[in-house]
Amino acid sequence: MKQALTEMLVMQDRMNTRVHENWIEQGFEWYRAVWVECAELMDHHGYKWWKQQRPDLPQLQLEVVDIWHFGMSAIITGEGGVEPSVNRILRELDQFTASSAGVLEAAEKLALHALAEHSFCPRIFRELMEAVGMSFGQLHVAYIGKNVLNFFRQDHGYQSGSYQKLWRGREDNEHLMELTQTLDSAQPDFADQLYRALEQRYREVSA
């Protein structure tokens, strides 16, 4: 787990540096992004008792990955670097005990912590992972995929507004999940393969 955590934190630091070279010193409100993503996750689960709704598991797990991006960013900011961030996350995960909380309850608990403490709690996040049936291994693979997509977006005009997020009526996230399933995530060049696959698909749908 330590090796996977280190890899993800390094990748997140690299992504944030791509957006802003001195991102740690900027005081970005990562906690705010966490609770907003929790609300989006609840939308995909369904909370409206006055209408029929069915939980969308792939989207729920995708929202968990998005929350993890912002959570790691908050921890790196607070700890000042990757190595102390790894140690903090491992310490907090050691305190985790299985919970019977449902998806909505776990998401609300994480959002409440973010709002009250202006921080991110890996232990509560683990509860949310359990609630959506996501293992740490699944989180690792999904995170690498989303990180690759985020770099792909930046490389293709995301900040300037020229990037097309809808590819023939489907969000790029959907294409990402589809392409990820065609590749072997155990390969050392998995991230590079996925980037190339995204690039080819993007050219095809943009033609």
C-alpha atoms as a PDB file:
ATOM      1  CA  MET A   1       0.000   0.000   0.000  1.00  0.00           C
ATOM      2  CA  LYS A   2       2.822   2.431   0.816  1.00  0.00           C
ATOM      3  CA  GLN A   3       4.284   2.129  -2.667  1.00  0.00           C
ATOM      4  CA  ALA A   4       0.896   2.701  -4.324  1.00  0.00           C
ATOM      5  CA  LEU A   5       0.183   5.679  -2.049  1.00  0.00           C
ATOM      6  CA  THR A   6       3.541   7.214  -2.881  1.00  0.00           C
ATOM      7  CA  GLU A   7       2.927   6.749  -6.604  1.00  0.00           C
ATOM      8  CA  MET A   8      -0.496   8.418  -6.430  1.00  0.00           C
ATOM      9  CA  LEU A   9       0.714  11.329  -4.302  1.00  0.00           C
ATOM     10  CA  VAL A  10       3.639  11.953  -6.672  1.00  0.00           C
ATOM     11  CA  MET A  11       1.265  11.880  -9.643  1.00  0.00           C
ATOM     12  CA  GLN A  12      -1.119  14.294  -7.919  1.00  0.00           C
ATOM     13  CA  ASP A  13       1.711  16.689  -7.080  1.00  0.00           C
ATOM     14  CA  ARG A  14       2.812  16.566 -10.719  1.00  0.00           C
ATOM     15  CA  MET A  15      -0.717  17.264 -11.949  1.00  0.00           C
ATOM     16  CA  ASN A  16      -1.226  20.177  -9.569  1.00  0.00           C
ATOM     17  CA  THR A  17       2.165  21.615 -10.562  1.00  0.00           C
ATOM     18  CA  ARG A  18       1.060  21.449 -14.190  1.00  0.00           C
ATOM     19  CA  VAL A  19      -1.905  23.669 -13.336  1.00  0.00           C
ATOM     20  CA  HIS A  20       0.036  26.023 -11.032  1.00  0.00           C
ATOM     21  CA  GLU A  21       3.785  25.789 -10.487  1.00  0.00           C
ATOM     22  CA  ASN A  22       3.606  26.861  -6.830  1.00  0.00           C
ATOM     23  CA  TRP A  23       0.281  25.243  -6.017  1.00  0.00           C
ATOM     24  CA  ILE A  24       1.100  24.296  -2.408  1.00  0.00           C
ATOM     25  CA  GLU A  25       1.650  27.943  -1.437  1.00  0.00           C
ATOM     26  CA  GLN A  26      -1.578  29.178  -3.057  1.00  0.00           C
ATOM     27  CA  GLY A  27      -3.978  28.207  -0.259  1.00  0.00           C
ATOM     28  CA  PHE A  28      -6.504  26.581  -2.580  1.00  0.00           C
ATOM     29  CA  GLU A  29      -9.657  25.413  -0.764  1.00  0.00           C
ATOM     30  CA  TRP A  30      -9.322  21.702  -1.453  1.00  0.00           C
ATOM     31  CA  TYR A  31     -11.804  20.914   1.327  1.00  0.00           C
ATOM     32  CA  ARG A  32     -14.483  22.802  -0.594  1.00  0.00           C
ATOM     33  CA  ALA A  33     -13.950  20.666  -3.671  1.00  0.00           C
ATOM     34  CA  VAL A  34     -14.221  17.568  -1.440  1.00  0.00           C
ATOM     35  CA  TRP A  35     -17.667  18.380  -0.073  1.00  0.00           C
ATOM     36  CA  VAL A  36     -18.975  19.509  -3.463  1.00  0.00           C
ATOM     37  CA  GLU A  37     -17.842  16.190  -4.956  1.00  0.00           C
ATOM     38  CA  CYS A  38     -19.586  14.407  -2.079  1.00  0.00           C
ATOM     39  CA  ALA A  39     -22.807  16.151  -3.100  1.00  0.00           C
ATOM     40  CA  GLU A  40     -22.308  15.091  -6.719  1.00  0.00           C
ATOM     41  CA  LEU A  41     -21.754  11.517  -5.551  1.00  0.00           C
ATOM     42  CA  MET A  42     -25.052  11.632  -3.669  1.00  0.00           C
ATOM     43  CA  ASP A  43     -26.802  12.735  -6.857  1.00  0.00           C
ATOM     44  CA  HIS A  44     -25.494   9.649  -8.645  1.00  0.00           C
ATOM     45  CA  HIS A  45     -26.664   7.456  -5.773  1.00  0.00           C
ATOM     46  CA  GLY A  46     -30.098   9.024  -5.489  1.00  0.00           C
ATOM     47  CA  TYR A  47     -31.623  10.595  -2.403  1.00  0.00           C
ATOM     48  CA  LYS A  48     -35.003  11.783  -3.700  1.00  0.00           C
ATOM     49  CA  TRP A  49     -37.660   9.643  -2.102  1.00  0.00           C
ATOM     50  CA  TRP A  50     -40.338  11.333  -4.210  1.00  0.00           C
ATOM     51  CA  LYS A  51     -39.110   9.818  -7.499  1.00  0.00           C
ATOM     52  CA  GLN A  52     -37.641   6.568  -8.734  1.00  0.00           C
ATOM     53  CA  GLN A  53     -33.838   6.542  -8.626  1.00  0.00           C
ATOM     54  CA  ARG A  54     -31.255   3.803  -8.996  1.00  0.00           C
ATOM     55  CA  PRO A  55     -27.630   4.082  -7.814  1.00  0.00           C
ATOM     56  CA  ASP A  56     -25.158   4.367 -10.694  1.00  0.00           C
ATOM     57  CA  LEU A  57     -22.235   2.337  -9.300  1.00  0.00           C
ATOM     58  CA  PRO A  58     -19.620   3.208 -11.969  1.00  0.00           C
ATOM     59  CA  GLN A  59     -20.362   6.905 -11.501  1.00  0.00           C
ATOM     60  CA  LEU A  60     -20.289   6.556  -7.711  1.00  0.00           C
ATOM     61  CA  GLN A  61     -16.832   5.017  -7.889  1.00  0.00           C
ATOM     62  CA  LEU A  62     -15.689   7.689 -10.334  1.00  0.00           C
ATOM     63  CA  GLU A  63     -16.790  10.379  -7.875  1.00  0.00           C
ATOM     64  CA  VAL A  64     -14.826   8.592  -5.137  1.00  0.00           C
ATOM     65  CA  VAL A  65     -11.723   8.875  -7.330  1.00  0.00           C
ATOM     66  CA  ASP A  66     -12.380  12.595  -7.874  1.00  0.00           C
ATOM     67  CA  ILE A  67     -12.703  13.095  -4.119  1.00  0.00           C
ATOM     68  CA  TRP A  68      -9.377  11.293  -3.663  1.00  0.00           C
ATOM     69  CA  HIS A  69      -7.659  13.771  -6.019  1.00  0.00           C
ATOM     70  CA  PHE A  70      -8.741  16.701  -3.878  1.00  0.00           C
ATOM     71  CA  GLY A  71      -8.156  14.845  -0.626  1.00  0.00           C
ATOM     72  CA  MET A  72      -4.557  14.026  -1.501  1.00  0.00           C
ATOM     73  CA  SER A  73      -4.011  17.633  -2.579  1.00  0.00           C
ATOM     74  CA  ALA A  74      -5.302  18.860   0.790  1.00  0.00           C
ATOM     75  CA  ILE A  75      -2.993  16.483   2.658  1.00  0.00           C
ATOM     76  CA  ILE A  76       0.097  17.391   0.614  1.00  0.00           C
ATOM     77  CA  THR A  77      -0.654  21.057   1.256  1.00  0.00           C
ATOM     78  CA  GLY A  78      -0.986  20.473   4.987  1.00  0.00           C
ATOM     79  CA  GLU A  79       2.047  18.218   5.299  1.00  0.00           C
ATOM     80  CA  GLY A  80       4.275  20.120   2.886  1.00  0.00           C
ATOM     81  CA  GLY A  81       5.340  17.188   0.755  1.00  0.00           C
ATOM     82  CA  VAL A  82       4.768  13.649  -0.440  1.00  0.00           C
ATOM     83  CA  GLU A  83       6.674  11.595   2.151  1.00  0.00           C
ATOM     84  CA  PRO A  84       5.029  13.088   5.259  1.00  0.00           C
ATOM     85  CA  SER A  85       1.688  12.811   3.449  1.00  0.00           C
ATOM     86  CA  VAL A  86       2.209   9.069   2.919  1.00  0.00           C
ATOM     87  CA  ASN A  87       2.985   8.637   6.626  1.00  0.00           C
ATOM     88  CA  ARG A  88      -0.077  10.618   7.694  1.00  0.00           C
ATOM     89  CA  ILE A  89      -2.432   8.657   5.453  1.00  0.00           C
ATOM     90  CA  LEU A  90      -1.037   5.343   6.673  1.00  0.00           C
ATOM     91  CA  ARG A  91      -1.427   6.445  10.308  1.00  0.00           C
ATOM     92  CA  GLU A  92      -5.042   7.431   9.769  1.00  0.00           C
ATOM     93  CA  LEU A  93      -5.885   4.286   7.815  1.00  0.00           C
ATOM     94  CA  ASP A  94      -4.476   2.235  10.688  1.00  0.00           C
ATOM     95  CA  GLN A  95      -7.298   3.691  12.799  1.00  0.00           C
ATOM     96  CA  PHE A  96      -9.969   2.526  10.368  1.00  0.00           C
ATOM     97  CA  THR A  97     -12.616   0.138  11.594  1.00  0.00           C
ATOM     98  CA  ALA A  98     -15.305  -1.338   9.389  1.00  0.00           C
ATOM     99  CA  SER A  99     -18.552   0.593   9.396  1.00  0.00           C
ATOM    100  CA  SER A 100     -22.104  -0.275   8.438  1.00  0.00           C
ATOM    101  CA  ALA A 101     -22.685   3.223   7.036  1.00  0.00           C
ATOM    102  CA  GLY A 102     -24.461   3.415   3.700  1.00  0.00           C
ATOM    103  CA  VAL A 103     -23.256   5.465   0.761  1.00  0.00           C
ATOM    104  CA  LEU A 104     -25.244   8.586   1.629  1.00  0.00           C
ATOM    105  CA  GLU A 105     -24.281   8.475   5.305  1.00  0.00           C
ATOM    106  CA  ALA A 106     -20.582   7.980   4.525  1.00  0.00           C
ATOM    107  CA  ALA A 107     -20.593  10.804   1.964  1.00  0.00           C
ATOM    108  CA  GLU A 108     -22.307  13.150   4.422  1.00  0.00           C
ATOM    109  CA  LYS A 109     -19.812  12.228   7.138  1.00  0.00           C
ATOM    110  CA  LEU A 110     -16.879  13.042   4.866  1.00  0.00           C
ATOM    111  CA  ALA A 111     -18.491  16.285   3.687  1.00  0.00           C
ATOM    112  CA  LEU A 112     -19.258  17.327   7.274  1.00  0.00           C
ATOM    113  CA  HIS A 113     -15.640  16.783   8.274  1.00  0.00           C
ATOM    114  CA  ALA A 114     -14.444  18.824   5.290  1.00  0.00           C
ATOM    115  CA  LEU A 115     -16.798  21.687   6.152  1.00  0.00           C
ATOM    116  CA  ALA A 116     -16.105  21.684   9.884  1.00  0.00           C
ATOM    117  CA  GLU A 117     -12.343  21.100   9.808  1.00  0.00           C
ATOM    118  CA  HIS A 118     -11.404  22.506   6.385  1.00  0.00           C
ATOM    119  CA  SER A 119      -9.411  19.321   5.845  1.00  0.00           C
ATOM    120  CA  PHE A 120      -9.622  15.783   4.506  1.00  0.00           C
ATOM    121  CA  CYS A 121      -9.910  12.601   6.568  1.00  0.00           C
ATOM    122  CA  PRO A 122      -8.501   9.405   4.956  1.00  0.00           C
ATOM    123  CA  ARG A 123     -10.172   7.254   7.610  1.00  0.00           C
ATOM    124  CA  ILE A 124     -13.659   8.540   6.756  1.00  0.00           C
ATOM    125  CA  PHE A 125     -12.805   8.351   3.063  1.00  0.00           C
ATOM    126  CA  ARG A 126     -12.069   4.656   3.557  1.00  0.00           C
ATOM    127  CA  GLU A 127     -15.613   4.276   4.941  1.00  0.00           C
ATOM    128  CA  LEU A 128     -16.948   5.786   1.734  1.00  0.00           C
ATOM    129  CA  MET A 129     -14.811   3.412  -0.339  1.00  0.00           C
ATOM    130  CA  GLU A 130     -16.263   0.469   1.572  1.00  0.00           C
ATOM    131  CA  ALA A 131     -19.790   1.797   1.098  1.00  0.00           C
ATOM    132  CA  VAL A 132     -19.424   1.885  -2.700  1.00  0.00           C
ATOM    133  CA  GLY A 133     -17.647  -1.493  -2.749  1.00  0.00           C
ATOM    134  CA  MET A 134     -14.268  -0.170  -3.835  1.00  0.00           C
ATOM    135  CA  SER A 135     -10.987  -1.778  -2.804  1.00  0.00           C
ATOM    136  CA  PHE A 136      -7.688   0.065  -2.463  1.00  0.00           C
ATOM    137  CA  GLY A 137      -6.411  -1.776  -5.538  1.00  0.00           C
ATOM    138  CA  GLN A 138      -9.396  -0.587  -7.561  1.00  0.00           C
ATOM    139  CA  LEU A 139      -8.859   2.961  -6.315  1.00  0.00           C
ATOM    140  CA  HIS A 140      -5.216   2.803  -7.396  1.00  0.00           C
ATOM    141  CA  VAL A 141      -6.009   1.696 -10.950  1.00  0.00           C
ATOM    142  CA  ALA A 142      -8.929   4.123 -11.307  1.00  0.00           C
ATOM    143  CA  TYR A 143      -6.834   6.991  -9.966  1.00  0.00           C
ATOM    144  CA  ILE A 144      -4.044   6.362 -12.473  1.00  0.00           C
ATOM    145  CA  GLY A 145      -6.650   6.376 -15.237  1.00  0.00           C
ATOM    146  CA  LYS A 146      -8.217   9.655 -14.124  1.00  0.00           C
ATOM    147  CA  ASN A 147      -4.808  11.246 -13.631  1.00  0.00           C
ATOM    148  CA  VAL A 148      -3.902  10.315 -17.205  1.00  0.00           C
ATOM    149  CA  LEU A 149      -7.186  11.826 -18.405  1.00  0.00           C
ATOM    150  CA  ASN A 150      -6.498  15.032 -16.483  1.00  0.00           C
ATOM    151  CA  PHE A 151      -3.103  15.368 -18.166  1.00  0.00           C
ATOM    152  CA  PHE A 152      -4.735  14.587 -21.503  1.00  0.00           C
ATOM    153  CA  ARG A 153      -7.277  17.345 -20.917  1.00  0.00           C
ATOM    154  CA  GLN A 154      -4.544  19.868 -20.086  1.00  0.00           C
ATOM    155  CA  ASP A 155      -2.562  18.864 -23.172  1.00  0.00           C
ATOM    156  CA  HIS A 156      -5.601  19.377 -25.381  1.00  0.00           C
ATOM    157  CA  GLY A 157      -6.792  22.804 -24.273  1.00  0.00           C
ATOM    158  CA  TYR A 158      -8.758  22.281 -21.062  1.00  0.00           C
ATOM    159  CA  GLN A 159      -7.657  25.576 -19.511  1.00  0.00           C
ATOM    160  CA  SER A 160      -8.098  27.580 -22.712  1.00  0.00           C
ATOM    161  CA  GLY A 161     -11.575  26.142 -23.251  1.00  0.00           C
ATOM    162  CA  SER A 162     -10.849  24.461 -26.578  1.00  0.00           C
ATOM    163  CA  TYR A 163     -11.032  20.908 -25.233  1.00  0.00           C
ATOM    164  CA  GLN A 164     -14.185  18.944 -26.086  1.00  0.00           C
ATOM    165  CA  LYS A 165     -15.332  17.004 -23.026  1.00  0.00           C
ATOM    166  CA  LEU A 166     -18.181  15.315 -24.901  1.00  0.00           C
ATOM    167  CA  TRP A 167     -16.984  12.802 -27.477  1.00  0.00           C
ATOM    168  CA  ARG A 168     -19.887  11.985 -29.797  1.00  0.00           C
ATOM    169  CA  GLY A 169     -22.409  12.555 -27.035  1.00  0.00           C
ATOM    170  CA  ARG A 170     -20.499  10.680 -24.320  1.00  0.00           C
ATOM    171  CA  GLU A 171     -18.329  12.205 -21.617  1.00  0.00           C
ATOM    172  CA  ASP A 172     -14.601  11.572 -21.799  1.00  0.00           C
ATOM    173  CA  ASN A 173     -14.895   9.816 -18.411  1.00  0.00           C
ATOM    174  CA  GLU A 174     -16.987   7.116 -20.068  1.00  0.00           C
ATOM    175  CA  HIS A 175     -14.423   6.629 -22.815  1.00  0.00           C
ATOM    176  CA  LEU A 176     -11.709   6.470 -20.155  1.00  0.00           C
ATOM    177  CA  MET A 177     -13.467   3.671 -18.269  1.00  0.00           C
ATOM    178  CA  GLU A 178     -14.057   1.773 -21.497  1.00  0.00           C
ATOM    179  CA  LEU A 179     -10.435   2.031 -22.635  1.00  0.00           C
ATOM    180  CA  THR A 180      -9.081   1.154 -19.179  1.00  0.00           C
ATOM    181  CA  GLN A 181     -10.862  -2.193 -19.363  1.00  0.00           C
ATOM    182  CA  THR A 182      -9.069  -3.047 -22.617  1.00  0.00           C
ATOM    183  CA  LEU A 183      -5.579  -2.650 -21.087  1.00  0.00           C
ATOM    184  CA  ASP A 184      -3.528  -4.524 -18.504  1.00  0.00           C
ATOM    185  CA  SER A 185      -3.143  -2.225 -15.486  1.00  0.00           C
ATOM    186  CA  ALA A 186      -0.310  -4.418 -14.161  1.00  0.00           C
ATOM    187  CA  GLN A 187       1.969  -3.379 -17.023  1.00  0.00           C
ATOM    188  CA  PRO A 188       4.650  -0.829 -16.045  1.00  0.00           C
ATOM    189  CA  ASP A 189       3.701   1.403 -18.992  1.00  0.00           C
ATOM    190  CA  PHE A 190      -0.051   1.206 -18.297  1.00  0.00           C
ATOM    191  CA  ALA A 191      -0.353   4.995 -17.957  1.00  0.00           C
ATOM    192  CA  ASP A 192       1.460   5.595 -21.256  1.00  0.00           C
ATOM    193  CA  GLN A 193      -0.663   3.000 -23.042  1.00  0.00           C
ATOM    194  CA  LEU A 194      -3.826   4.597 -21.709  1.00  0.00           C
ATOM    195  CA  TYR A 195      -2.738   8.074 -22.797  1.00  0.00           C
ATOM    196  CA  ARG A 196      -2.069   6.811 -26.332  1.00  0.00           C
ATOM    197  CA  ALA A 197      -5.436   5.045 -26.405  1.00  0.00           C
ATOM    198  CA  LEU A 198      -7.193   8.255 -25.337  1.00  0.00           C
ATOM    199  CA  GLU A 199      -5.336  10.215 -27.990  1.00  0.00           C
ATOM    200  CA  GLN A 200      -6.349   7.785 -30.714  1.00  0.00           C
ATOM    201  CA  ARG A 201      -9.988   7.742 -29.595  1.00  0.00           C
ATOM    202  CA  TYR A 202     -10.064  11.557 -29.377  1.00  0.00           C
ATOM    203  CA  ARG A 203      -8.717  11.874 -32.938  1.00  0.00           C
ATOM    204  CA  GLU A 204     -11.315   9.397 -34.183  1.00  0.00           C
ATOM    205  CA  VAL A 205     -14.281  11.142 -32.571  1.00  0.00           C
ATOM    206  CA  SER A 206     -13.022  14.624 -33.507  1.00  0.00           C
ATOM    207  CA  ALA A 207     -12.541  13.734 -37.171  1.00  0.00           C
END
